[in-house]
Full PDB file with SEQRES, HELIX, SHEET, SSBOND, CRYST1, ORIGX, SCALE, CONECT and MASTER records, all heavy atoms in Angstrom:
SEQRES   1 A   43  LEU ASN ALA ARG LEU ASP PRO ALA TRP VAL GLN ALA ASN          
SEQRES   2 A   43  ALA ALA PRO ASP GLY VAL HIS HIS LEU TRP PRO ALA VAL          
SEQRES   3 A   43  TRP ASN SER LEU SER HIS ARG PRO ASP VAL PRO ARG GLN          
SEQRES   4 A   43  LEU ARG CYS GLU                                              
HELIX    1 AA1 PRO A    7  ASN A   13  1                                   7    
SHEET    1 AA1 2 PRO A  24  ASN A  28  0                                        
SHEET    2 AA1 2 GLN A  39  CYS A  42 -1                                        
CRYST1    1.000    1.000    1.000  90.00  90.00  90.00 P 1           1          
ORIGX1      1.000000  0.000000  0.000000        0.00000                         
ORIGX2      0.000000  1.000000  0.000000        0.00000                         
ORIGX3      0.000000  0.000000  1.000000        0.00000                         
SCALE1      1.000000  0.000000  0.000000        0.00000                         
SCALE2      0.000000  1.000000  0.000000        0.00000                         
SCALE3      0.000000  0.000000  1.000000        0.00000                         
ATOM      1  N   LEU A   1      95.067  83.424  94.514  1.00  0.00           N  
ATOM      2  CA  LEU A   1      95.441  84.291  93.497  1.00  0.00           C  
ATOM      3  C   LEU A   1      96.958  84.414  93.484  1.00  0.00           C  
ATOM      4  O   LEU A   1      97.644  84.285  94.505  1.00  0.00           O  
ATOM      5  CB  LEU A   1      94.763  85.602  93.631  1.00  0.00           C  
ATOM      6  CG  LEU A   1      93.221  85.499  93.664  1.00  0.00           C  
ATOM      7  CD1 LEU A   1      92.659  86.941  93.820  1.00  0.00           C  
ATOM      8  CD2 LEU A   1      92.633  84.799  92.501  1.00  0.00           C  
ATOM      9  N   ASN A   2      97.458  84.693  92.305  1.00  0.00           N  
ATOM     10  CA  ASN A   2      98.979  84.646  92.108  1.00  0.00           C  
ATOM     11  C   ASN A   2      99.672  85.844  92.699  1.00  0.00           C  
ATOM     12  O   ASN A   2     100.730  85.692  93.301  1.00  0.00           O  
ATOM     13  CB  ASN A   2      99.304  84.592  90.613  1.00  0.00           C  
ATOM     14  CG  ASN A   2      98.958  83.268  90.020  1.00  0.00           C  
ATOM     15  OD1 ASN A   2      98.798  82.268  90.652  1.00  0.00           O  
ATOM     16  ND2 ASN A   2      98.647  83.316  88.742  1.00  0.00           N  
ATOM     17  N   ALA A   3      99.124  87.047  92.631  1.00  0.00           N  
ATOM     18  CA  ALA A   3      99.809  88.295  92.971  1.00  0.00           C  
ATOM     19  C   ALA A   3      99.226  88.699  94.387  1.00  0.00           C  
ATOM     20  O   ALA A   3      98.132  89.282  94.401  1.00  0.00           O  
ATOM     21  CB  ALA A   3      99.674  89.368  91.961  1.00  0.00           C  
ATOM     22  N   ARG A   4     100.061  88.441  95.397  1.00  0.00           N  
ATOM     23  CA  ARG A   4      99.605  88.764  96.732  1.00  0.00           C  
ATOM     24  C   ARG A   4     100.829  88.664  97.632  1.00  0.00           C  
ATOM     25  O   ARG A   4     101.825  88.044  97.324  1.00  0.00           O  
ATOM     26  CB  ARG A   4      98.468  87.831  97.208  1.00  0.00           C  
ATOM     27  CG  ARG A   4      98.856  86.374  97.186  1.00  0.00           C  
ATOM     28  CD  ARG A   4      97.770  85.478  97.581  1.00  0.00           C  
ATOM     29  NE  ARG A   4      97.909  84.136  97.164  1.00  0.00           N  
ATOM     30  CZ  ARG A   4      98.763  83.308  97.845  1.00  0.00           C  
ATOM     31  NH1 ARG A   4      99.428  83.699  98.895  1.00  0.00           N  
ATOM     32  NH2 ARG A   4      98.928  81.995  97.468  1.00  0.00           N  
ATOM     33  N   LEU A   5     100.646  89.221  98.864  1.00  0.00           N  
ATOM     34  CA  LEU A   5     101.626  89.084  99.871  1.00  0.00           C  
ATOM     35  C   LEU A   5     101.060  88.137 100.979  1.00  0.00           C  
ATOM     36  O   LEU A   5      99.818  87.999 100.982  1.00  0.00           O  
ATOM     37  CB  LEU A   5     101.978  90.450 100.506  1.00  0.00           C  
ATOM     38  CG  LEU A   5     102.671  91.425  99.563  1.00  0.00           C  
ATOM     39  CD1 LEU A   5     102.668  92.840 100.213  1.00  0.00           C  
ATOM     40  CD2 LEU A   5     104.082  91.005  99.221  1.00  0.00           C  
ATOM     41  N   ASP A   6     101.911  87.637 101.737  1.00  0.00           N  
ATOM     42  CA  ASP A   6     101.430  86.919 102.861  1.00  0.00           C  
ATOM     43  C   ASP A   6     100.673  87.818 103.909  1.00  0.00           C  
ATOM     44  O   ASP A   6     101.262  88.777 104.349  1.00  0.00           O  
ATOM     45  CB  ASP A   6     102.663  86.262 103.568  1.00  0.00           C  
ATOM     46  CG  ASP A   6     102.319  85.459 104.808  1.00  0.00           C  
ATOM     47  OD1 ASP A   6     101.152  85.371 105.228  1.00  0.00           O  
ATOM     48  OD2 ASP A   6     103.206  84.833 105.420  1.00  0.00           O  
ATOM     49  N   PRO A   7      99.424  87.461 104.189  1.00  0.00           N  
ATOM     50  CA  PRO A   7      98.597  88.396 105.043  1.00  0.00           C  
ATOM     51  C   PRO A   7      99.365  88.672 106.445  1.00  0.00           C  
ATOM     52  O   PRO A   7      99.219  89.743 107.041  1.00  0.00           O  
ATOM     53  CB  PRO A   7      97.305  87.636 105.223  1.00  0.00           C  
ATOM     54  CG  PRO A   7      97.201  86.857 103.996  1.00  0.00           C  
ATOM     55  CD  PRO A   7      98.534  86.442 103.687  1.00  0.00           C  
ATOM     56  N   ALA A   8      99.975  87.640 106.940  1.00  0.00           N  
ATOM     57  CA  ALA A   8     100.688  87.840 108.200  1.00  0.00           C  
ATOM     58  C   ALA A   8     101.839  88.889 108.076  1.00  0.00           C  
ATOM     59  O   ALA A   8     102.012  89.676 108.949  1.00  0.00           O  
ATOM     60  CB  ALA A   8     101.304  86.517 108.698  1.00  0.00           C  
ATOM     61  N   TRP A   9     102.528  88.897 106.952  1.00  0.00           N  
ATOM     62  CA  TRP A   9     103.581  89.791 106.709  1.00  0.00           C  
ATOM     63  C   TRP A   9     102.977  91.240 106.645  1.00  0.00           C  
ATOM     64  O   TRP A   9     103.486  92.188 107.101  1.00  0.00           O  
ATOM     65  CB  TRP A   9     104.382  89.467 105.477  1.00  0.00           C  
ATOM     66  CG  TRP A   9     105.583  90.356 105.294  1.00  0.00           C  
ATOM     67  CD1 TRP A   9     106.829  90.155 105.788  1.00  0.00           C  
ATOM     68  CD2 TRP A   9     105.572  91.591 104.584  1.00  0.00           C  
ATOM     69  NE1 TRP A   9     107.609  91.246 105.448  1.00  0.00           N  
ATOM     70  CE2 TRP A   9     106.942  92.114 104.710  1.00  0.00           C  
ATOM     71  CE3 TRP A   9     104.655  92.370 103.831  1.00  0.00           C  
ATOM     72  CZ2 TRP A   9     107.292  93.390 104.189  1.00  0.00           C  
ATOM     73  CZ3 TRP A   9     105.029  93.557 103.362  1.00  0.00           C  
ATOM     74  CH2 TRP A   9     106.360  94.094 103.446  1.00  0.00           C  
ATOM     75  N   VAL A  10     101.805  91.335 105.915  1.00  0.00           N  
ATOM     76  CA  VAL A  10     101.138  92.650 105.740  1.00  0.00           C  
ATOM     77  C   VAL A  10     100.703  93.112 107.146  1.00  0.00           C  
ATOM     78  O   VAL A  10     100.911  94.298 107.456  1.00  0.00           O  
ATOM     79  CB  VAL A  10      99.954  92.574 104.785  1.00  0.00           C  
ATOM     80  CG1 VAL A  10      99.162  93.765 104.756  1.00  0.00           C  
ATOM     81  CG2 VAL A  10     100.468  92.176 103.371  1.00  0.00           C  
ATOM     82  N   GLN A  11     100.110  92.196 107.932  1.00  0.00           N  
ATOM     83  CA  GLN A  11      99.596  92.682 109.207  1.00  0.00           C  
ATOM     84  C   GLN A  11     100.809  93.141 110.116  1.00  0.00           C  
ATOM     85  O   GLN A  11     100.701  94.131 110.863  1.00  0.00           O  
ATOM     86  CB  GLN A  11      98.998  91.458 109.891  1.00  0.00           C  
ATOM     87  CG  GLN A  11      98.360  91.679 111.196  1.00  0.00           C  
ATOM     88  CD  GLN A  11      96.989  92.301 111.153  1.00  0.00           C  
ATOM     89  OE1 GLN A  11      96.306  92.119 110.093  1.00  0.00           O  
ATOM     90  NE2 GLN A  11      96.557  93.083 112.101  1.00  0.00           N  
ATOM     91  N   ALA A  12     102.003  92.485 110.054  1.00  0.00           N  
ATOM     92  CA  ALA A  12     103.158  92.818 110.829  1.00  0.00           C  
ATOM     93  C   ALA A  12     103.828  94.157 110.336  1.00  0.00           C  
ATOM     94  O   ALA A  12     104.522  94.767 111.115  1.00  0.00           O  
ATOM     95  CB  ALA A  12     104.165  91.680 110.827  1.00  0.00           C  
ATOM     96  N   ASN A  13     103.780  94.445 109.083  1.00  0.00           N  
ATOM     97  CA  ASN A  13     104.585  95.494 108.484  1.00  0.00           C  
ATOM     98  C   ASN A  13     103.839  96.715 108.015  1.00  0.00           C  
ATOM     99  O   ASN A  13     104.447  97.743 107.879  1.00  0.00           O  
ATOM    100  CB  ASN A  13     105.468  94.932 107.320  1.00  0.00           C  
ATOM    101  CG  ASN A  13     106.494  94.027 107.842  1.00  0.00           C  
ATOM    102  OD1 ASN A  13     107.495  94.467 108.385  1.00  0.00           O  
ATOM    103  ND2 ASN A  13     106.295  92.636 107.722  1.00  0.00           N  
ATOM    104  N   ALA A  14     102.574  96.569 107.632  1.00  0.00           N  
ATOM    105  CA  ALA A  14     101.852  97.739 107.223  1.00  0.00           C  
ATOM    106  C   ALA A  14     101.600  98.702 108.281  1.00  0.00           C  
ATOM    107  O   ALA A  14     101.317  98.338 109.446  1.00  0.00           O  
ATOM    108  CB  ALA A  14     100.448  97.304 106.589  1.00  0.00           C  
ATOM    109  N   ALA A  15     101.754  99.982 108.001  1.00  0.00           N  
ATOM    110  CA  ALA A  15     101.465 101.039 109.007  1.00  0.00           C  
ATOM    111  C   ALA A  15     100.015 100.951 109.420  1.00  0.00           C  
ATOM    112  O   ALA A  15      99.149 100.925 108.554  1.00  0.00           O  
ATOM    113  CB  ALA A  15     101.741 102.362 108.400  1.00  0.00           C  
ATOM    114  N   PRO A  16      99.714 100.809 110.752  1.00  0.00           N  
ATOM    115  CA  PRO A  16      98.347 100.565 111.166  1.00  0.00           C  
ATOM    116  C   PRO A  16      97.418 101.717 110.703  1.00  0.00           C  
ATOM    117  O   PRO A  16      96.254 101.393 110.309  1.00  0.00           O  
ATOM    118  CB  PRO A  16      98.444 100.604 112.723  1.00  0.00           C  
ATOM    119  CG  PRO A  16      99.857 100.287 112.943  1.00  0.00           C  
ATOM    120  CD  PRO A  16     100.652 100.768 111.835  1.00  0.00           C  
ATOM    121  N   ASP A  17      97.840 102.923 110.658  1.00  0.00           N  
ATOM    122  CA  ASP A  17      97.049 103.994 110.192  1.00  0.00           C  
ATOM    123  C   ASP A  17      97.495 104.542 108.808  1.00  0.00           C  
ATOM    124  O   ASP A  17      97.221 105.661 108.421  1.00  0.00           O  
ATOM    125  CB  ASP A  17      97.105 105.174 111.209  1.00  0.00           C  
ATOM    126  CG  ASP A  17      96.548 104.815 112.497  1.00  0.00           C  
ATOM    127  OD1 ASP A  17      95.582 104.056 112.587  1.00  0.00           O  
ATOM    128  OD2 ASP A  17      97.013 105.348 113.530  1.00  0.00           O  
ATOM    129  N   GLY A  18      98.108 103.669 108.125  1.00  0.00           N  
ATOM    130  CA  GLY A  18      98.776 104.033 106.788  1.00  0.00           C  
ATOM    131  C   GLY A  18      97.741 104.157 105.662  1.00  0.00           C  
ATOM    132  O   GLY A  18      96.641 103.575 105.741  1.00  0.00           O  
ATOM    133  N   VAL A  19      98.155 104.809 104.673  1.00  0.00           N  
ATOM    134  CA  VAL A  19      97.360 105.035 103.468  1.00  0.00           C  
ATOM    135  C   VAL A  19      98.070 104.261 102.401  1.00  0.00           C  
ATOM    136  O   VAL A  19      99.259 104.440 102.238  1.00  0.00           O  
ATOM    137  CB  VAL A  19      97.117 106.475 103.043  1.00  0.00           C  
ATOM    138  CG1 VAL A  19      96.492 106.621 101.744  1.00  0.00           C  
ATOM    139  CG2 VAL A  19      96.428 107.258 104.220  1.00  0.00           C  
ATOM    140  N   HIS A  20      97.377 103.451 101.643  1.00  0.00           N  
ATOM    141  CA  HIS A  20      97.949 102.542 100.621  1.00  0.00           C  
ATOM    142  C   HIS A  20      97.145 102.781  99.298  1.00  0.00           C  
ATOM    143  O   HIS A  20      96.037 103.367  99.342  1.00  0.00           O  
ATOM    144  CB  HIS A  20      97.820 101.111 101.004  1.00  0.00           C  
ATOM    145  CG  HIS A  20      98.196 100.882 102.463  1.00  0.00           C  
ATOM    146  ND1 HIS A  20      99.506 100.911 102.936  1.00  0.00           N  
ATOM    147  CD2 HIS A  20      97.413 100.622 103.592  1.00  0.00           C  
ATOM    148  CE1 HIS A  20      99.489 100.647 104.235  1.00  0.00           C  
ATOM    149  NE2 HIS A  20      98.260 100.525 104.654  1.00  0.00           N  
ATOM    150  N   HIS A  21      97.775 102.475  98.195  1.00  0.00           N  
ATOM    151  CA  HIS A  21      97.170 102.785  96.956  1.00  0.00           C  
ATOM    152  C   HIS A  21      97.173 101.581  95.979  1.00  0.00           C  
ATOM    153  O   HIS A  21      98.165 100.807  95.991  1.00  0.00           O  
ATOM    154  CB  HIS A  21      97.853 103.952  96.254  1.00  0.00           C  
ATOM    155  CG  HIS A  21      97.687 105.200  96.943  1.00  0.00           C  
ATOM    156  ND1 HIS A  21      98.616 105.609  97.952  1.00  0.00           N  
ATOM    157  CD2 HIS A  21      96.806 106.182  96.832  1.00  0.00           C  
ATOM    158  CE1 HIS A  21      98.221 106.767  98.434  1.00  0.00           C  
ATOM    159  NE2 HIS A  21      97.125 107.200  97.800  1.00  0.00           N  
ATOM    160  N   LEU A  22      96.117 101.415  95.187  1.00  0.00           N  
ATOM    161  CA  LEU A  22      96.074 100.317  94.249  1.00  0.00           C  
ATOM    162  C   LEU A  22      95.847 101.012  92.848  1.00  0.00           C  
ATOM    163  O   LEU A  22      95.039 101.845  92.656  1.00  0.00           O  
ATOM    164  CB  LEU A  22      94.785  99.429  94.466  1.00  0.00           C  
ATOM    165  CG  LEU A  22      94.878  98.534  95.642  1.00  0.00           C  
ATOM    166  CD1 LEU A  22      93.545  97.854  95.849  1.00  0.00           C  
ATOM    167  CD2 LEU A  22      96.034  97.515  95.552  1.00  0.00           C  
ATOM    168  N   TRP A  23      96.737 100.538  91.887  1.00  0.00           N  
ATOM    169  CA  TRP A  23      96.732 101.049  90.563  1.00  0.00           C  
ATOM    170  C   TRP A  23      96.543  99.898  89.609  1.00  0.00           C  
ATOM    171  O   TRP A  23      97.508  99.149  89.509  1.00  0.00           O  
ATOM    172  CB  TRP A  23      98.037 101.810  90.276  1.00  0.00           C  
ATOM    173  CG  TRP A  23      98.139 102.543  89.078  1.00  0.00           C  
ATOM    174  CD1 TRP A  23      97.835 102.069  87.770  1.00  0.00           C  
ATOM    175  CD2 TRP A  23      98.556 103.937  88.732  1.00  0.00           C  
ATOM    176  NE1 TRP A  23      98.039 103.082  86.755  1.00  0.00           N  
ATOM    177  CE2 TRP A  23      98.479 104.184  87.426  1.00  0.00           C  
ATOM    178  CE3 TRP A  23      99.039 104.916  89.724  1.00  0.00           C  
ATOM    179  CZ2 TRP A  23      98.836 105.422  86.911  1.00  0.00           C  
ATOM    180  CZ3 TRP A  23      99.361 106.107  89.162  1.00  0.00           C  
ATOM    181  CH2 TRP A  23      99.242 106.386  87.744  1.00  0.00           C  
ATOM    182  N   PRO A  24      95.447  99.795  88.998  1.00  0.00           N  
ATOM    183  CA  PRO A  24      95.186  98.546  88.104  1.00  0.00           C  
ATOM    184  C   PRO A  24      96.101  98.571  86.905  1.00  0.00           C  
ATOM    185  O   PRO A  24      96.342  99.626  86.279  1.00  0.00           O  
ATOM    186  CB  PRO A  24      93.744  98.692  87.637  1.00  0.00           C  
ATOM    187  CG  PRO A  24      93.128  99.808  88.531  1.00  0.00           C  
ATOM    188  CD  PRO A  24      94.247 100.589  89.050  1.00  0.00           C  
ATOM    189  N   ALA A  25      96.687  97.406  86.638  1.00  0.00           N  
ATOM    190  CA  ALA A  25      97.621  97.277  85.559  1.00  0.00           C  
ATOM    191  C   ALA A  25      97.033  96.409  84.389  1.00  0.00           C  
ATOM    192  O   ALA A  25      97.097  96.876  83.213  1.00  0.00           O  
ATOM    193  CB  ALA A  25      98.919  96.680  86.038  1.00  0.00           C  
ATOM    194  N   VAL A  26      96.544  95.268  84.658  1.00  0.00           N  
ATOM    195  CA  VAL A  26      96.009  94.410  83.715  1.00  0.00           C  
ATOM    196  C   VAL A  26      94.904  93.478  84.249  1.00  0.00           C  
ATOM    197  O   VAL A  26      94.831  93.334  85.472  1.00  0.00           O  
ATOM    198  CB  VAL A  26      97.196  93.360  83.087  1.00  0.00           C  
ATOM    199  CG1 VAL A  26      98.213  94.198  82.401  1.00  0.00           C  
ATOM    200  CG2 VAL A  26      97.721  92.547  84.182  1.00  0.00           C  
ATOM    201  N   TRP A  27      94.151  92.881  83.374  1.00  0.00           N  
ATOM    202  CA  TRP A  27      93.216  91.888  83.788  1.00  0.00           C  
ATOM    203  C   TRP A  27      94.036  90.545  83.858  1.00  0.00           C  
ATOM    204  O   TRP A  27      94.919  90.316  83.106  1.00  0.00           O  
ATOM    205  CB  TRP A  27      92.099  91.637  82.750  1.00  0.00           C  
ATOM    206  CG  TRP A  27      91.091  92.742  82.768  1.00  0.00           C  
ATOM    207  CD1 TRP A  27      90.932  93.717  81.919  1.00  0.00           C  
ATOM    208  CD2 TRP A  27      90.061  92.944  83.775  1.00  0.00           C  
ATOM    209  NE1 TRP A  27      89.819  94.544  82.240  1.00  0.00           N  
ATOM    210  CE2 TRP A  27      89.343  94.073  83.456  1.00  0.00           C  
ATOM    211  CE3 TRP A  27      89.751  92.276  84.969  1.00  0.00           C  
ATOM    212  CZ2 TRP A  27      88.297  94.574  84.225  1.00  0.00           C  
ATOM    213  CZ3 TRP A  27      88.750  92.712  85.763  1.00  0.00           C  
ATOM    214  CH2 TRP A  27      88.027  93.934  85.376  1.00  0.00           C  
ATOM    215  N   ASN A  28      93.741  89.752  84.834  1.00  0.00           N  
ATOM    216  CA  ASN A  28      94.377  88.499  85.061  1.00  0.00           C  
ATOM    217  C   ASN A  28      93.426  87.377  85.258  1.00  0.00           C  
ATOM    218  O   ASN A  28      92.301  87.615  85.843  1.00  0.00           O  
ATOM    219  CB  ASN A  28      95.333  88.511  86.251  1.00  0.00           C  
ATOM    220  CG  ASN A  28      96.075  87.269  86.439  1.00  0.00           C  
ATOM    221  OD1 ASN A  28      96.887  86.899  85.604  1.00  0.00           O  
ATOM    222  ND2 ASN A  28      95.946  86.652  87.554  1.00  0.00           N  
ATOM    223  N   SER A  29      93.612  86.171  84.735  1.00  0.00           N  
ATOM    224  CA  SER A  29      92.839  85.036  85.034  1.00  0.00           C  
ATOM    225  C   SER A  29      93.572  83.820  85.129  1.00  0.00           C  
ATOM    226  O   SER A  29      94.830  83.782  84.800  1.00  0.00           O  
ATOM    227  CB  SER A  29      91.851  84.861  83.871  1.00  0.00           C  
ATOM    228  OG  SER A  29      92.461  84.639  82.644  1.00  0.00           O  
ATOM    229  N   LEU A  30      93.050  82.904  85.848  1.00  0.00           N  
ATOM    230  CA  LEU A  30      93.679  81.582  86.004  1.00  0.00           C  
ATOM    231  C   LEU A  30      93.086  80.533  85.092  1.00  0.00           C  
ATOM    232  O   LEU A  30      92.046  79.962  85.397  1.00  0.00           O  
ATOM    233  CB  LEU A  30      93.594  81.168  87.506  1.00  0.00           C  
ATOM    234  CG  LEU A  30      94.037  82.219  88.530  1.00  0.00           C  
ATOM    235  CD1 LEU A  30      93.760  81.749  89.999  1.00  0.00           C  
ATOM    236  CD2 LEU A  30      95.500  82.438  88.361  1.00  0.00           C  
ATOM    237  N   SER A  31      93.691  80.317  83.954  1.00  0.00           N  
ATOM    238  CA  SER A  31      93.098  79.517  82.920  1.00  0.00           C  
ATOM    239  C   SER A  31      92.935  78.037  83.397  1.00  0.00           C  
ATOM    240  O   SER A  31      92.030  77.330  83.062  1.00  0.00           O  
ATOM    241  CB  SER A  31      93.875  79.518  81.664  1.00  0.00           C  
ATOM    242  OG  SER A  31      95.240  79.206  81.895  1.00  0.00           O  
ATOM    243  N   HIS A  32      93.783  77.608  84.298  1.00  0.00           N  
ATOM    244  CA  HIS A  32      93.754  76.249  84.839  1.00  0.00           C  
ATOM    245  C   HIS A  32      92.757  76.114  86.069  1.00  0.00           C  
ATOM    246  O   HIS A  32      92.467  75.063  86.437  1.00  0.00           O  
ATOM    247  CB  HIS A  32      95.130  75.877  85.414  1.00  0.00           C  
ATOM    248  CG  HIS A  32      95.629  76.679  86.504  1.00  0.00           C  
ATOM    249  ND1 HIS A  32      96.090  78.027  86.360  1.00  0.00           N  
ATOM    250  CD2 HIS A  32      95.770  76.402  87.808  1.00  0.00           C  
ATOM    251  CE1 HIS A  32      96.419  78.515  87.499  1.00  0.00           C  
ATOM    252  NE2 HIS A  32      96.304  77.561  88.441  1.00  0.00           N  
ATOM    253  N   ARG A  33      92.130  77.366  86.385  1.00  0.00           N  
ATOM    254  CA  ARG A  33      91.093  77.299  87.463  1.00  0.00           C  
ATOM    255  C   ARG A  33      89.962  78.137  87.002  1.00  0.00           C  
ATOM    256  O   ARG A  33      89.774  79.316  87.458  1.00  0.00           O  
ATOM    257  CB  ARG A  33      91.768  77.840  88.768  1.00  0.00           C  
ATOM    258  CG  ARG A  33      92.820  76.963  89.330  1.00  0.00           C  
ATOM    259  CD  ARG A  33      93.397  77.396  90.636  1.00  0.00           C  
ATOM    260  NE  ARG A  33      92.240  77.665  91.627  1.00  0.00           N  
ATOM    261  CZ  ARG A  33      92.393  78.582  92.574  1.00  0.00           C  
ATOM    262  NH1 ARG A  33      93.492  79.358  92.623  1.00  0.00           N  
ATOM    263  NH2 ARG A  33      91.433  78.804  93.367  1.00  0.00           N  
ATOM    264  N   PRO A  34      89.078  77.615  86.118  1.00  0.00           N  
ATOM    265  CA  PRO A  34      88.010  78.348  85.594  1.00  0.00           C  
ATOM    266  C   PRO A  34      86.943  78.813  86.686  1.00  0.00           C  
ATOM    267  O   PRO A  34      86.129  79.705  86.468  1.00  0.00           O  
ATOM    268  CB  PRO A  34      87.372  77.483  84.558  1.00  0.00           C  
ATOM    269  CG  PRO A  34      87.858  76.121  84.866  1.00  0.00           C  
ATOM    270  CD  PRO A  34      89.101  76.276  85.570  1.00  0.00           C  
ATOM    271  N   ASP A  35      87.010  78.209  87.818  1.00  0.00           N  
ATOM    272  CA  ASP A  35      86.073  78.583  88.981  1.00  0.00           C  
ATOM    273  C   ASP A  35      86.456  79.864  89.596  1.00  0.00           C  
ATOM    274  O   ASP A  35      85.653  80.441  90.333  1.00  0.00           O  
ATOM    275  CB  ASP A  35      86.062  77.426  90.032  1.00  0.00           C  
ATOM    276  CG  ASP A  35      87.494  77.221  90.550  1.00  0.00           C  
ATOM    277  OD1 ASP A  35      88.374  77.024  89.818  1.00  0.00           O  
ATOM    278  OD2 ASP A  35      87.614  77.160  91.816  1.00  0.00           O  
ATOM    279  N   VAL A  36      87.655  80.349  89.371  1.00  0.00           N  
ATOM    280  CA  VAL A  36      88.121  81.622  89.918  1.00  0.00           C  
ATOM    281  C   VAL A  36      87.863  82.749  88.981  1.00  0.00           C  
ATOM    282  O   VAL A  36      88.364  82.666  87.781  1.00  0.00           O  
ATOM    283  CB  VAL A  36      89.573  81.618  90.282  1.00  0.00           C  
ATOM    284  CG1 VAL A  36      90.058  82.961  90.840  1.00  0.00           C  
ATOM    285  CG2 VAL A  36      89.844  80.478  91.337  1.00  0.00           C  
ATOM    286  N   PRO A  37      87.123  83.748  89.341  1.00  0.00           N  
ATOM    287  CA  PRO A  37      86.767  84.853  88.407  1.00  0.00           C  
ATOM    288  C   PRO A  37      88.009  85.671  87.988  1.00  0.00           C  
ATOM    289  O   PRO A  37      89.057  85.653  88.714  1.00  0.00           O  
ATOM    290  CB  PRO A  37      85.768  85.747  89.109  1.00  0.00           C  
ATOM    291  CG  PRO A  37      85.929  85.337  90.504  1.00  0.00           C  
ATOM    292  CD  PRO A  37      86.503  83.997  90.640  1.00  0.00           C  
ATOM    293  N   ARG A  38      87.963  86.371  86.941  1.00  0.00           N  
ATOM    294  CA  ARG A  38      89.047  87.323  86.456  1.00  0.00           C  
ATOM    295  C   ARG A  38      89.329  88.303  87.631  1.00  0.00           C  
ATOM    296  O   ARG A  38      88.353  88.708  88.302  1.00  0.00           O  
ATOM    297  CB  ARG A  38      88.648  88.063  85.222  1.00  0.00           C  
ATOM    298  CG  ARG A  38      88.718  87.071  83.975  1.00  0.00           C  
ATOM    299  CD  ARG A  38      88.249  87.856  82.793  1.00  0.00           C  
ATOM    300  NE  ARG A  38      89.227  88.869  82.355  1.00  0.00           N  
ATOM    301  CZ  ARG A  38      90.235  88.685  81.600  1.00  0.00           C  
ATOM    302  NH1 ARG A  38      90.459  87.594  81.155  1.00  0.00           N  
ATOM    303  NH2 ARG A  38      90.980  89.685  81.214  1.00  0.00           N  
ATOM    304  N   GLN A  39      90.519  88.767  87.612  1.00  0.00           N  
ATOM    305  CA  GLN A  39      90.908  89.679  88.683  1.00  0.00           C  
ATOM    306  C   GLN A  39      91.606  90.889  88.006  1.00  0.00           C  
ATOM    307  O   GLN A  39      92.136  90.726  86.898  1.00  0.00           O  
ATOM    308  CB  GLN A  39      91.924  89.156  89.641  1.00  0.00           C  
ATOM    309  CG  GLN A  39      91.632  87.736  90.155  1.00  0.00           C  
ATOM    310  CD  GLN A  39      92.457  86.723  89.395  1.00  0.00           C  
ATOM    311  OE1 GLN A  39      93.622  86.836  89.206  1.00  0.00           O  
ATOM    312  NE2 GLN A  39      91.826  85.700  88.907  1.00  0.00           N  
ATOM    313  N   LEU A  40      91.721  91.969  88.690  1.00  0.00           N  
ATOM    314  CA  LEU A  40      92.503  93.083  88.283  1.00  0.00           C  
ATOM    315  C   LEU A  40      93.906  92.861  88.995  1.00  0.00           C  
ATOM    316  O   LEU A  40      93.928  92.756  90.161  1.00  0.00           O  
ATOM    317  CB  LEU A  40      91.983  94.470  88.726  1.00  0.00           C  
ATOM    318  CG  LEU A  40      90.741  94.905  87.942  1.00  0.00           C  
ATOM    319  CD1 LEU A  40      90.027  96.077  88.652  1.00  0.00           C  
ATOM    320  CD2 LEU A  40      91.328  95.422  86.565  1.00  0.00           C  
ATOM    321  N   ARG A  41      94.948  92.880  88.196  1.00  0.00           N  
ATOM    322  CA  ARG A  41      96.284  92.791  88.812  1.00  0.00           C  
ATOM    323  C   ARG A  41      96.621  94.251  89.017  1.00  0.00           C  
ATOM    324  O   ARG A  41      96.787  95.021  88.081  1.00  0.00           O  
ATOM    325  CB  ARG A  41      97.228  92.039  87.911  1.00  0.00           C  
ATOM    326  CG  ARG A  41      98.652  92.143  88.560  1.00  0.00           C  
ATOM    327  CD  ARG A  41      99.491  90.984  88.235  1.00  0.00           C  
ATOM    328  NE  ARG A  41      98.925  89.710  88.735  1.00  0.00           N  
ATOM    329  CZ  ARG A  41      99.319  88.515  88.200  1.00  0.00           C  
ATOM    330  NH1 ARG A  41     100.186  88.451  87.348  1.00  0.00           N  
ATOM    331  NH2 ARG A  41      98.711  87.446  88.701  1.00  0.00           N  
ATOM    332  N   CYS A  42      96.780  94.602  90.292  1.00  0.00           N  
ATOM    333  CA  CYS A  42      97.057  96.066  90.607  1.00  0.00           C  
ATOM    334  C   CYS A  42      98.479  96.199  91.143  1.00  0.00           C  
ATOM    335  O   CYS A  42      98.983  95.262  91.899  1.00  0.00           O  
ATOM    336  CB  CYS A  42      96.082  96.518  91.704  1.00  0.00           C  
ATOM    337  SG  CYS A  42      94.346  96.517  91.198  1.00  0.00           S  
ATOM    338  N   GLU A  43      99.119  97.363  90.848  1.00  0.00           N  
ATOM    339  CA  GLU A  43     100.298  97.717  91.546  1.00  0.00           C  
ATOM    340  C   GLU A  43      99.822  98.197  92.919  1.00  0.00           C  
ATOM    341  O   GLU A  43      98.922  98.975  92.986  1.00  0.00           O  
ATOM    342  CB  GLU A  43     101.062  98.743  90.793  1.00  0.00           C  
ATOM    343  CG  GLU A  43     101.638  98.322  89.504  1.00  0.00           C  
ATOM    344  CD  GLU A  43     102.486  99.463  88.909  1.00  0.00           C  
ATOM    345  OE1 GLU A  43     103.658  99.674  89.253  1.00  0.00           O  
ATOM    346  OE2 GLU A  43     101.917 100.075  88.001  1.00  0.00           O  
TER     347      GLU A  43                                                      
MASTER        0    0    0    1    2    0    0    6  346    1    0    4          
END                                                                             
């Protein structure tokens, strides 16, 4: 998917006991990859 961070960076930098939030902004799809379902692009 297009909007993401490197999981290794997240693992190294996210507060282990942290609280995080997702705020949906738009529906996103990969027109060149019809096998991938639509996603919510979240802040």
